[in-house]
Amino acid sequence: MAIPRSLLAELARRASGPSFDLRAFCGDHAGQLSVAACRDQFIHIMCARQSGKSWICDGILMDNGFNAPASTNLLLGLNGPAVKLNNWVPVWKRQLCGRAGIPDSWHNETDRITTFPNGARVCFAGTDDLRHVTKFLGNRLANGVIIIDEAQSQPPEVLKYLLTNVLPPMLTPTTRVILAGVLPDVPAGRFYELAHPPGAPWPCTCKSWRHFEWGRAANVHTPEAMEQLKRYMELHALTVEDPQIQRDWYMQRVWDTSATAYRYRQERNGYRPRVPAWLAAYDWESFRVKAAEPHPGITNFTFGVDPGGGDRTSILGWGWGDHTHEVQQVFEAVTPRDTPVPLSEIASTLGVAVQYYPTDEIYWDPGSGSLEIDTFGTDYGIPLVKAANKTDFPGQVRRNNDLLTKGWLQVIVGSALEEDYQRARFDAEARARGQWKWSSQWHPDPSEAGRYGLRGYWANYVEPEKPKSYEQQRREQWAQRQREELALRAGVMLPEMEEAHLFDGDEDALGVIDG
């Protein structure tokens, strides 16, 4: 009986030992081939899910394991269990290592490390355990590849710590760093900011991070997907212009405000402030401060303060007026995360803000007690600080969203508050249990201070009067004149007459009115 050629080829490959061809692995996938050929030190990959992102990342690690002796290669996901469930077992071990003929003896299942005969190592870990990760990195990463996966969902402080603290001392000219993730739901976050700007020339020629992107439609390894999409659209009465299809399949940067807790849209709610001259006159110490000249009609102010603890300490100021619907963000002072700030520094910063935006509507998150509120007035001369109301959390978010969707709430573009509005999400598991909690991926401290501060607006806002018709204005003017004439004849001065200086004891004035 004749033996099939494919079986003979497979037997020959196994006889020659493990091997891997990265270009053959990519096949005709244009996006994967472009990444495989790139030797830039910093690479940015932004794709849709099910588009082949994880496969090219693991393929690069496999290729480097075979071809860079003694190199350390690492893929960092969100956490260890997720990395094991979604990558280490199904993609790396079963698919890539199975195709390459790598025996199980090369794997350390406990630490998720594959060691090659040439001394190269490929490690899989989560950013939730950086202490465990750093022990594998060593002092230098010559010829190594470091991949930070799911970068769009990595906590910002973790991404910053990796890119600015952990990795730079270990890099050599031959080290490659790859940020890989999916197109986020909203145009915010460090991963998205490093992407190739929309509308810029293509292909990417950026000098810092070389960017690659493609959608699900470009994944030639799943040819049945397009037919499946067609059936799905027919079943649900959708067209290819649907925003979610445009995002997932064709990588169009369209955004979904319903994905976040706040219904912020920059084109509706963002504004670029006129910066007051006094802002540059102060040393703000730990705080990063933004301020704005109040818009016409903004006369009243309110502040919220969230002392942060392990998060960011935030002071947020709003302005509104009696004759406008606008609620304007006029001030923010926000520290980096994990920055200890003494009460005296918070008080001095708040004191400057209140000097330029006068108010006694100040709301403070007191944590477990009111001692700090009590000492604010006695020690720092800022009286009437009130405890923030934290009991109606979902209701306050809904009222906040009402102001946003109406377009009344105006937020400084580029502020920490804007970033919160673009990124804050509720914890999905907690919501399934009927609880309201913020997702741990992004804790919205400035918007919490803003939520507290809006209590001053809600407590004092009066709906501006609707414009009166011309005829109604004439009738009211005639009635007012009749009241004034009767009062003058009786020798009585109405308060509004005194304000207008209609009568100051001058007999000639009386004569003019009488005449």
Protein backbone atom coordinates (compact mmCIF):
# COMPACT_ATOMS: atom_id res chain seq x y z
CA MET A 1 0.00 0.00 0.00
CA ALA A 2 1.32 3.42 -0.99
CA ILE A 3 2.12 5.83 1.85
CA PRO A 4 0.67 9.36 1.37
CA ARG A 5 3.28 12.02 0.56
CA SER A 6 2.01 14.29 3.34
CA LEU A 7 2.68 11.54 5.89
CA LEU A 8 6.16 10.96 4.48
CA ALA A 9 6.90 14.68 4.74
CA GLU A 10 5.71 14.75 8.34
CA LEU A 11 7.84 11.71 9.25
CA ALA A 12 10.86 13.31 7.60
CA ARG A 13 10.29 16.55 9.52
CA ARG A 14 10.06 14.74 12.83
CA ALA A 15 13.19 12.74 12.07
CA SER A 16 15.17 15.94 11.57
CA GLY A 17 14.14 17.32 14.99
CA PRO A 18 12.06 20.33 16.00
CA SER A 19 12.07 23.27 13.58
CA PHE A 20 10.02 26.36 12.80
CA ASP A 21 9.61 28.61 9.74
CA LEU A 22 8.00 31.92 10.74
CA ARG A 23 7.26 33.04 7.18
CA ALA A 24 5.58 29.73 6.32
CA PHE A 25 3.67 29.96 9.60
CA CYS A 26 2.22 33.37 8.56
CA GLY A 27 1.21 32.08 5.13
CA ASP A 28 -0.59 34.75 3.12
CA HIS A 29 -1.62 36.83 6.16
CA ALA A 30 -0.29 40.27 5.11
CA GLY A 31 -0.46 41.76 8.60
CA GLN A 32 1.40 38.90 10.25
CA LEU A 33 4.05 38.88 7.51
CA SER A 34 4.68 42.62 7.99
CA VAL A 35 5.19 42.19 11.73
CA ALA A 36 7.40 39.12 11.21
CA ALA A 37 9.70 41.08 8.88
CA CYS A 38 9.97 44.12 11.18
CA ARG A 39 13.14 44.48 13.24
CA ASP A 40 12.34 47.84 14.85
CA GLN A 41 13.01 47.90 18.57
CA PHE A 42 9.55 49.11 19.56
CA ILE A 43 6.53 47.58 17.80
CA HIS A 44 2.85 48.39 18.35
CA ILE A 45 0.19 45.91 17.18
CA MET A 46 -3.49 46.90 17.39
CA CYS A 47 -6.00 44.40 15.99
CA ALA A 48 -9.53 43.13 16.38
CA ARG A 49 -10.15 39.93 18.29
CA GLN A 50 -9.93 36.68 16.30
CA SER A 51 -7.67 38.40 13.76
CA GLY A 52 -4.46 36.43 14.41
CA LYS A 53 -2.75 38.76 16.90
CA SER A 54 -1.92 36.09 19.51
CA TRP A 55 -0.64 33.75 16.82
CA ILE A 56 1.89 36.20 15.40
CA CYS A 57 3.04 37.14 18.91
CA ASP A 58 3.65 33.49 19.80
CA GLY A 59 5.18 32.89 16.36
CA ILE A 60 7.76 35.63 16.97
CA LEU A 61 8.60 34.10 20.37
CA MET A 62 9.00 30.66 18.76
CA ASP A 63 11.18 32.03 15.97
CA ASN A 64 13.41 33.84 18.46
CA GLY A 65 13.66 30.76 20.67
CA PHE A 66 15.13 28.77 17.76
CA ASN A 67 17.33 31.53 16.34
CA ALA A 68 18.58 33.59 19.33
CA PRO A 69 20.64 31.33 21.62
CA ALA A 70 20.58 32.15 25.35
CA SER A 71 17.92 34.83 24.80
CA THR A 72 15.12 35.56 27.26
CA ASN A 73 11.72 35.99 25.65
CA LEU A 74 8.61 36.88 27.58
CA LEU A 75 4.87 37.33 26.99
CA LEU A 76 3.01 39.25 29.70
CA GLY A 77 -0.78 39.05 29.82
CA LEU A 78 -3.23 40.48 32.35
CA ASN A 79 -2.79 37.67 34.87
CA GLY A 80 -1.30 34.20 35.12
CA PRO A 81 -4.53 32.15 34.96
CA ALA A 82 -5.76 34.05 31.90
CA VAL A 83 -2.42 33.61 30.14
CA LYS A 84 -2.50 29.86 30.83
CA LEU A 85 -6.11 29.45 29.73
CA ASN A 86 -6.00 31.61 26.59
CA ASN A 87 -2.44 31.27 25.34
CA TRP A 88 0.02 28.92 27.05
CA VAL A 89 -2.07 25.78 26.58
CA PRO A 90 -4.24 26.29 23.46
CA VAL A 91 -1.96 28.44 21.27
CA TRP A 92 1.62 27.93 22.41
CA LYS A 93 1.77 24.27 23.47
CA ARG A 94 -0.92 22.63 21.36
CA GLN A 95 -0.58 24.62 18.16
CA LEU A 96 2.90 26.11 17.76
CA CYS A 97 4.92 23.61 19.76
CA GLY A 98 2.89 20.76 18.28
CA ARG A 99 3.60 21.94 14.74
CA ALA A 100 7.29 22.47 15.48
CA GLY A 101 7.65 19.02 17.05
CA ILE A 102 8.79 20.35 20.44
CA PRO A 103 8.66 17.59 23.09
CA ASP A 104 6.95 18.06 26.47
CA SER A 105 10.34 17.76 28.18
CA TRP A 106 11.17 21.31 27.04
CA HIS A 107 8.29 22.74 29.10
CA ASN A 108 8.18 23.75 32.74
CA GLU A 109 4.45 23.66 33.41
CA THR A 110 4.66 25.29 36.85
CA ASP A 111 6.43 28.45 35.70
CA ARG A 112 5.12 28.29 32.10
CA ILE A 113 8.61 28.32 30.58
CA THR A 114 9.84 26.54 27.46
CA THR A 115 13.63 26.09 27.37
CA PHE A 116 15.32 25.42 24.00
CA PRO A 117 18.48 23.31 23.62
CA ASN A 118 20.42 26.48 22.68
CA GLY A 119 19.65 28.03 26.08
CA ALA A 120 16.88 30.35 24.87
CA ARG A 121 13.81 30.60 27.08
CA VAL A 122 10.23 31.60 26.32
CA CYS A 123 8.19 32.55 29.39
CA PHE A 124 4.47 33.29 29.84
CA ALA A 125 3.27 35.30 32.85
CA GLY A 126 0.82 37.94 34.04
CA THR A 127 1.52 41.53 34.94
CA ASP A 128 -0.29 40.88 38.23
CA ASP A 129 2.84 39.10 39.48
CA LEU A 130 5.75 41.30 38.42
CA ARG A 131 7.98 40.07 41.24
CA HIS A 132 7.74 36.56 39.83
CA VAL A 133 8.39 37.92 36.33
CA THR A 134 11.50 39.96 37.09
CA LYS A 135 13.42 36.97 38.43
CA PHE A 136 13.42 35.51 34.90
CA LEU A 137 14.52 38.67 33.13
CA GLY A 138 18.08 38.97 34.37
CA ASN A 139 20.19 42.07 33.93
CA ARG A 140 20.32 42.30 30.13
CA LEU A 141 17.88 41.23 27.44
CA ALA A 142 20.22 40.99 24.47
CA ASN A 143 18.45 39.49 21.42
CA GLY A 144 15.29 38.95 23.46
CA VAL A 145 11.65 39.74 22.68
CA ILE A 146 9.33 41.17 25.33
CA ILE A 147 5.61 41.19 24.46
CA ILE A 148 3.04 42.99 26.62
CA ASP A 149 -0.27 41.50 25.49
CA GLU A 150 -3.80 42.80 26.14
CA ALA A 151 -2.13 46.20 26.42
CA GLN A 152 -5.44 48.05 25.95
CA SER A 153 -6.66 46.59 29.26
CA GLN A 154 -3.44 46.76 31.27
CA PRO A 155 -3.75 49.09 34.29
CA PRO A 156 -2.09 52.38 33.30
CA GLU A 157 0.27 52.39 36.27
CA VAL A 158 1.44 48.86 35.37
CA LEU A 159 2.06 49.77 31.72
CA LYS A 160 3.92 52.91 32.76
CA TYR A 161 6.00 51.00 35.33
CA LEU A 162 7.01 48.36 32.79
CA LEU A 163 7.88 50.81 29.99
CA THR A 164 9.66 53.42 32.10
CA ASN A 165 11.09 51.56 35.12
CA VAL A 166 11.45 47.82 34.63
CA LEU A 167 12.46 47.37 30.99
CA PRO A 168 14.70 50.35 30.00
CA PRO A 169 17.75 49.33 32.13
CA MET A 170 17.58 45.83 30.64
CA LEU A 171 17.26 46.76 26.98
CA THR A 172 20.06 46.45 24.43
CA PRO A 173 20.06 47.55 20.77
CA THR A 174 19.01 43.98 19.86
CA THR A 175 16.02 43.77 22.22
CA ARG A 176 12.53 44.07 20.78
CA VAL A 177 9.55 45.31 22.79
CA ILE A 178 6.08 44.62 21.40
CA LEU A 179 2.86 46.16 22.68
CA ALA A 180 -0.08 44.10 21.46
CA GLY A 181 -3.77 44.69 22.03
CA VAL A 182 -7.16 45.26 20.47
CA LEU A 183 -8.79 48.47 19.33
CA PRO A 184 -10.27 49.90 22.57
CA ASP A 185 -13.91 50.86 22.90
CA VAL A 186 -13.03 54.51 23.48
CA PRO A 187 -10.13 56.63 22.14
CA ALA A 188 -8.26 56.83 25.42
CA GLY A 189 -5.42 55.20 27.30
CA ARG A 190 -1.67 54.86 26.86
CA PHE A 191 -1.94 51.96 24.39
CA TYR A 192 -4.22 53.88 22.06
CA GLU A 193 -2.13 57.05 22.36
CA LEU A 194 0.92 55.15 21.05
CA ALA A 195 -0.98 53.97 17.98
CA HIS A 196 -0.49 55.45 14.52
CA PRO A 197 -2.60 58.66 14.46
CA PRO A 198 -5.79 58.37 12.39
CA GLY A 199 -5.43 60.16 9.07
CA ALA A 200 -1.61 60.04 9.14
CA PRO A 201 0.28 58.61 6.11
CA TRP A 202 0.29 54.83 5.79
CA PRO A 203 2.21 52.55 6.14
CA CYS A 204 3.48 53.74 9.49
CA THR A 205 6.91 55.35 9.56
CA CYS A 206 6.78 56.56 13.17
CA LYS A 207 10.20 56.73 14.81
CA SER A 208 9.14 55.71 18.33
CA TRP A 209 6.67 52.83 17.93
CA ARG A 210 6.22 51.14 14.54
CA HIS A 211 2.50 50.49 14.28
CA PHE A 212 0.64 47.59 12.63
CA GLU A 213 -3.10 46.99 12.57
CA TRP A 214 -5.68 44.83 10.83
CA GLY A 215 -9.22 43.60 11.39
CA ARG A 216 -10.90 40.22 11.45
CA ALA A 217 -11.58 40.37 7.70
CA ALA A 218 -7.82 40.25 7.06
CA ASN A 219 -7.33 36.91 8.83
CA VAL A 220 -6.84 34.51 5.92
CA HIS A 221 -6.37 31.64 8.38
CA THR A 222 -10.12 31.68 9.07
CA PRO A 223 -11.60 31.82 5.54
CA GLU A 224 -15.01 30.68 6.80
CA ALA A 225 -15.31 33.83 8.96
CA MET A 226 -16.55 36.11 6.17
CA GLU A 227 -19.35 33.70 5.29
CA GLN A 228 -20.24 33.48 8.96
CA LEU A 229 -20.36 37.30 9.13
CA LYS A 230 -22.68 37.39 6.12
CA ARG A 231 -25.08 34.93 7.78
CA TYR A 232 -24.94 36.84 11.04
CA MET A 233 -25.81 40.16 9.34
CA GLU A 234 -28.73 38.55 7.50
CA LEU A 235 -30.04 36.96 10.69
CA HIS A 236 -29.90 40.21 12.70
CA ALA A 237 -30.80 42.66 9.88
CA LEU A 238 -27.40 44.37 10.01
CA THR A 239 -25.28 45.91 7.26
CA VAL A 240 -21.56 46.20 6.88
CA GLU A 241 -21.88 49.86 7.96
CA ASP A 242 -22.83 48.80 11.50
CA PRO A 243 -20.31 50.46 13.91
CA GLN A 244 -19.40 47.22 15.69
CA ILE A 245 -18.80 45.41 12.39
CA GLN A 246 -16.71 48.30 11.13
CA ARG A 247 -14.61 48.15 14.31
CA ASP A 248 -14.13 44.38 14.58
CA TRP A 249 -13.85 43.42 10.94
CA TYR A 250 -12.33 46.46 9.25
CA MET A 251 -10.59 48.33 12.14
CA GLN A 252 -12.50 51.55 11.61
CA ARG A 253 -12.06 53.79 14.63
CA VAL A 254 -15.68 54.30 15.61
CA TRP A 255 -16.46 54.54 19.30
CA ASP A 256 -19.13 53.22 21.65
CA THR A 257 -19.96 55.58 24.52
CA SER A 258 -22.23 52.92 26.07
CA ALA A 259 -19.14 50.83 26.86
CA THR A 260 -18.21 53.17 29.72
CA ALA A 261 -20.04 54.38 32.81
CA TYR A 262 -20.14 58.00 31.64
CA ARG A 263 -21.72 59.15 28.37
CA TYR A 264 -18.94 61.56 27.46
CA ARG A 265 -18.25 62.59 23.86
CA GLN A 266 -15.45 65.05 23.23
CA GLU A 267 -17.17 66.70 20.25
CA ARG A 268 -20.20 67.44 22.46
CA ASN A 269 -18.73 67.90 25.94
CA GLY A 270 -15.07 68.85 25.47
CA TYR A 271 -13.68 72.37 25.27
CA ARG A 272 -10.22 73.93 25.10
CA PRO A 273 -9.79 76.41 27.93
CA ARG A 274 -8.48 79.92 28.03
CA VAL A 275 -5.78 79.45 30.69
CA PRO A 276 -5.71 82.16 33.40
CA ALA A 277 -2.44 84.04 33.89
CA TRP A 278 -2.33 83.30 37.62
CA LEU A 279 -1.88 79.55 37.04
CA ALA A 280 1.86 79.92 36.35
CA ALA A 281 2.45 81.93 39.52
CA TYR A 282 2.21 78.94 41.89
CA ASP A 283 4.35 75.93 42.73
CA TRP A 284 1.80 73.12 42.75
CA GLU A 285 4.18 70.55 44.34
CA SER A 286 2.61 67.07 43.96
CA PHE A 287 -0.36 68.20 41.88
CA ARG A 288 -0.81 68.50 38.14
CA VAL A 289 -3.13 71.45 37.73
CA LYS A 290 -5.40 72.69 34.95
CA ALA A 291 -7.54 75.83 35.19
CA ALA A 292 -9.79 77.84 32.91
CA GLU A 293 -11.23 81.33 32.66
CA PRO A 294 -14.96 81.08 33.44
CA HIS A 295 -17.17 81.36 30.38
CA PRO A 296 -19.65 84.26 30.11
CA GLY A 297 -22.50 83.74 32.56
CA ILE A 298 -20.54 81.44 34.90
CA THR A 299 -20.78 83.09 38.33
CA ASN A 300 -21.15 80.30 40.92
CA PHE A 301 -18.60 77.64 41.86
CA THR A 302 -18.44 74.33 43.70
CA PHE A 303 -15.57 71.93 44.53
CA GLY A 304 -15.20 68.25 45.27
CA VAL A 305 -12.15 66.66 46.91
CA ASP A 306 -11.18 62.98 46.89
CA PRO A 307 -8.05 62.44 49.04
CA GLY A 308 -7.30 59.23 47.18
CA GLY A 309 -5.34 57.13 49.64
CA GLY A 310 -3.57 54.62 47.36
CA ASP A 311 -5.21 56.20 44.31
CA ARG A 312 -4.90 59.75 42.97
CA THR A 313 -5.71 62.71 45.20
CA SER A 314 -8.06 64.92 43.21
CA ILE A 315 -9.58 68.40 43.55
CA LEU A 316 -12.24 69.25 40.97
CA GLY A 317 -13.95 72.61 40.44
CA TRP A 318 -17.19 73.38 38.56
CA GLY A 319 -18.83 76.66 37.60
CA TRP A 320 -22.41 77.49 36.62
CA GLY A 321 -24.65 80.54 36.35
CA ASP A 322 -28.20 81.70 36.93
CA HIS A 323 -28.81 82.50 33.27
CA THR A 324 -27.09 79.62 31.47
CA HIS A 325 -27.47 75.86 31.31
CA GLU A 326 -23.71 75.33 31.04
CA VAL A 327 -21.82 73.59 33.85
CA GLN A 328 -18.12 74.28 33.18
CA GLN A 329 -15.13 72.44 34.58
CA VAL A 330 -12.94 75.34 35.68
CA PHE A 331 -10.24 73.63 37.77
CA GLU A 332 -8.57 70.33 38.54
CA ALA A 333 -5.58 69.36 40.63
CA VAL A 334 -4.65 65.66 40.43
CA THR A 335 -1.62 63.75 41.72
CA PRO A 336 -0.04 60.66 40.14
CA ARG A 337 -1.18 57.38 41.65
CA ASP A 338 0.41 56.24 44.92
CA THR A 339 1.61 59.76 45.75
CA PRO A 340 1.39 60.51 49.50
CA VAL A 341 0.00 64.03 49.94
CA PRO A 342 -0.23 65.71 53.37
CA LEU A 343 -3.47 67.43 54.33
CA SER A 344 -1.66 70.77 54.42
CA GLU A 345 -0.77 70.49 50.70
CA ILE A 346 -4.36 69.62 49.78
CA ALA A 347 -5.55 72.58 51.86
CA SER A 348 -3.10 75.06 50.30
CA THR A 349 -4.01 73.92 46.78
CA LEU A 350 -7.72 74.14 47.53
CA GLY A 351 -7.16 77.55 49.15
CA VAL A 352 -5.64 78.93 45.94
CA ALA A 353 -8.51 77.52 43.87
CA VAL A 354 -11.17 79.04 46.14
CA GLN A 355 -9.36 82.39 45.97
CA TYR A 356 -10.02 82.57 42.21
CA TYR A 357 -13.32 80.67 42.17
CA PRO A 358 -14.99 81.94 45.39
CA THR A 359 -17.42 79.51 47.03
CA ASP A 360 -18.46 77.89 50.27
CA GLU A 361 -19.72 74.81 48.40
CA ILE A 362 -16.86 72.35 49.05
CA TYR A 363 -17.45 68.61 49.40
CA TRP A 364 -14.83 66.24 50.81
CA ASP A 365 -14.70 62.44 50.94
CA PRO A 366 -13.93 61.97 54.65
CA GLY A 367 -13.28 58.22 54.50
CA SER A 368 -14.04 56.72 57.91
CA GLY A 369 -14.55 59.91 59.93
CA SER A 370 -15.09 63.66 60.02
CA LEU A 371 -11.88 64.68 61.83
CA GLU A 372 -10.26 65.95 58.64
CA ILE A 373 -13.32 68.07 57.81
CA ASP A 374 -13.32 69.54 61.33
CA THR A 375 -9.64 70.50 61.11
CA PHE A 376 -9.96 71.98 57.62
CA GLY A 377 -11.57 75.13 58.99
CA THR A 378 -9.67 75.43 62.27
CA ASP A 379 -6.19 74.60 60.94
CA TYR A 380 -6.27 75.84 57.36
CA GLY A 381 -8.88 78.57 57.29
CA ILE A 382 -11.21 76.91 54.78
CA PRO A 383 -14.57 76.75 56.60
CA LEU A 384 -17.83 75.08 55.67
CA VAL A 385 -16.27 72.00 54.04
CA LYS A 386 -19.04 69.39 53.86
CA ALA A 387 -18.94 65.59 53.76
CA ALA A 388 -19.50 64.11 50.31
CA ASN A 389 -22.68 62.10 49.83
CA LYS A 390 -21.57 58.64 48.72
CA THR A 391 -24.79 56.72 49.36
CA ASP A 392 -26.48 57.40 46.01
CA PHE A 393 -23.59 56.32 43.80
CA PRO A 394 -25.57 55.01 40.76
CA GLY A 395 -28.09 57.84 40.99
CA GLN A 396 -25.34 60.48 40.94
CA VAL A 397 -23.71 58.82 37.93
CA ARG A 398 -27.07 58.89 36.13
CA ARG A 399 -27.53 62.61 36.92
CA ASN A 400 -23.97 63.22 35.74
CA ASN A 401 -24.80 61.43 32.49
CA ASP A 402 -27.95 63.51 32.10
CA LEU A 403 -25.81 66.66 32.07
CA LEU A 404 -23.40 65.04 29.60
CA THR A 405 -26.02 63.84 27.13
CA LYS A 406 -27.75 67.24 27.20
CA GLY A 407 -24.42 68.84 26.30
CA TRP A 408 -24.56 71.10 29.37
CA LEU A 409 -21.46 69.64 31.06
CA GLN A 410 -18.28 71.10 29.52
CA VAL A 411 -14.98 69.36 30.29
CA ILE A 412 -11.40 70.52 29.69
CA VAL A 413 -9.91 68.55 26.79
CA GLY A 414 -6.80 66.67 27.94
CA SER A 415 -7.76 66.79 31.62
CA ALA A 416 -7.65 63.87 34.02
CA LEU A 417 -11.42 64.25 34.35
CA GLU A 418 -11.84 63.72 30.60
CA GLU A 419 -9.73 60.56 30.76
CA ASP A 420 -11.91 59.25 33.58
CA TYR A 421 -15.05 59.94 31.58
CA GLN A 422 -13.54 58.06 28.63
CA ARG A 423 -12.30 55.01 30.57
CA ALA A 424 -14.33 54.41 33.76
CA ARG A 425 -16.42 51.23 33.69
CA PHE A 426 -18.54 49.38 36.16
CA ASP A 427 -17.40 45.97 37.35
CA ALA A 428 -19.45 43.52 35.25
CA GLU A 429 -19.35 40.70 37.84
CA ALA A 430 -20.48 43.04 40.61
CA ARG A 431 -23.32 44.33 38.44
CA ALA A 432 -24.46 40.74 37.88
CA ARG A 433 -24.77 40.48 41.69
CA GLY A 434 -26.73 43.73 41.86
CA GLN A 435 -23.79 45.75 43.21
CA TRP A 436 -22.28 48.99 41.92
CA LYS A 437 -18.49 49.00 41.86
CA TRP A 438 -15.84 50.45 39.59
CA SER A 439 -13.81 48.05 37.48
CA SER A 440 -10.34 47.46 38.90
CA GLN A 441 -8.79 48.17 35.49
CA TRP A 442 -9.36 51.91 35.94
CA HIS A 443 -10.30 53.70 39.14
CA PRO A 444 -11.81 57.11 38.30
CA ASP A 445 -10.56 59.39 41.09
CA PRO A 446 -10.93 62.83 39.41
CA SER A 447 -14.48 62.03 38.29
CA GLU A 448 -15.29 60.93 41.85
CA ALA A 449 -14.20 64.37 43.09
CA GLY A 450 -16.26 65.87 40.26
CA ARG A 451 -19.28 63.79 41.28
CA TYR A 452 -18.98 65.01 44.88
CA GLY A 453 -18.60 68.62 43.75
CA LEU A 454 -21.67 68.57 41.53
CA ARG A 455 -23.75 68.29 44.71
CA GLY A 456 -23.25 72.04 45.14
CA TYR A 457 -24.68 72.64 41.67
CA TRP A 458 -27.65 70.30 42.16
CA ALA A 459 -28.45 71.89 45.53
CA ASN A 460 -28.42 75.47 44.25
CA TYR A 461 -29.25 75.42 40.55
CA VAL A 462 -32.38 77.26 39.44
CA GLU A 463 -33.67 76.74 35.90
CA PRO A 464 -33.08 79.93 33.86
CA GLU A 465 -36.27 81.71 32.85
CA LYS A 466 -37.45 81.12 29.32
CA PRO A 467 -37.23 84.19 27.05
CA LYS A 468 -40.41 86.25 27.13
CA SER A 469 -42.27 87.39 24.05
CA TYR A 470 -42.01 91.00 22.93
CA GLU A 471 -45.67 91.69 23.80
CA GLN A 472 -45.25 90.23 27.30
CA GLN A 473 -42.16 92.39 27.90
CA ARG A 474 -44.11 95.53 26.83
CA ARG A 475 -47.04 94.68 29.14
CA GLU A 476 -44.68 94.14 32.10
CA GLN A 477 -42.84 97.42 31.38
CA TRP A 478 -46.17 99.30 31.29
CA ALA A 479 -47.31 97.71 34.57
CA GLN A 480 -43.99 98.54 36.24
CA ARG A 481 -44.23 102.17 35.14
CA GLN A 482 -47.76 102.42 36.59
CA ARG A 483 -46.52 101.07 39.94
CA GLU A 484 -43.65 103.57 40.00
CA GLU A 485 -45.95 106.54 39.23
CA LEU A 486 -48.40 105.56 41.96
CA ALA A 487 -45.55 105.13 44.44
CA LEU A 488 -44.08 108.53 43.62
CA ARG A 489 -47.43 110.25 44.04
CA ALA A 490 -47.75 108.59 47.44
CA GLY A 491 -44.19 109.62 48.39
CA VAL A 492 -42.99 106.01 48.52
CA MET A 493 -39.79 104.76 46.87
CA LEU A 494 -39.83 101.18 45.58
CA PRO A 495 -36.66 99.09 46.04
CA GLU A 496 -36.22 98.69 42.29
CA MET A 497 -36.46 102.51 41.93
CA GLU A 498 -33.69 102.98 44.46
CA GLU A 499 -31.49 100.50 42.61
CA ALA A 500 -32.11 102.28 39.34
CA HIS A 501 -31.65 105.73 40.95
CA LEU A 502 -35.01 106.82 39.49
CA PHE A 503 -35.62 109.08 42.50
CA ASP A 504 -32.87 110.79 44.48
CA GLY A 505 -34.83 113.71 46.01
CA ASP A 506 -34.43 115.92 42.96
CA GLU A 507 -37.67 117.88 42.33
CA ASP A 508 -36.81 118.11 38.62
CA ALA A 509 -36.81 114.35 38.46
CA LEU A 510 -40.25 114.31 40.03
CA GLY A 511 -41.41 116.82 37.50
CA VAL A 512 -40.15 114.75 34.61
CA ILE A 513 -41.98 111.69 35.90
CA ASP A 514 -45.15 113.63 36.70
CA GLY A 515 -45.10 115.31 33.33
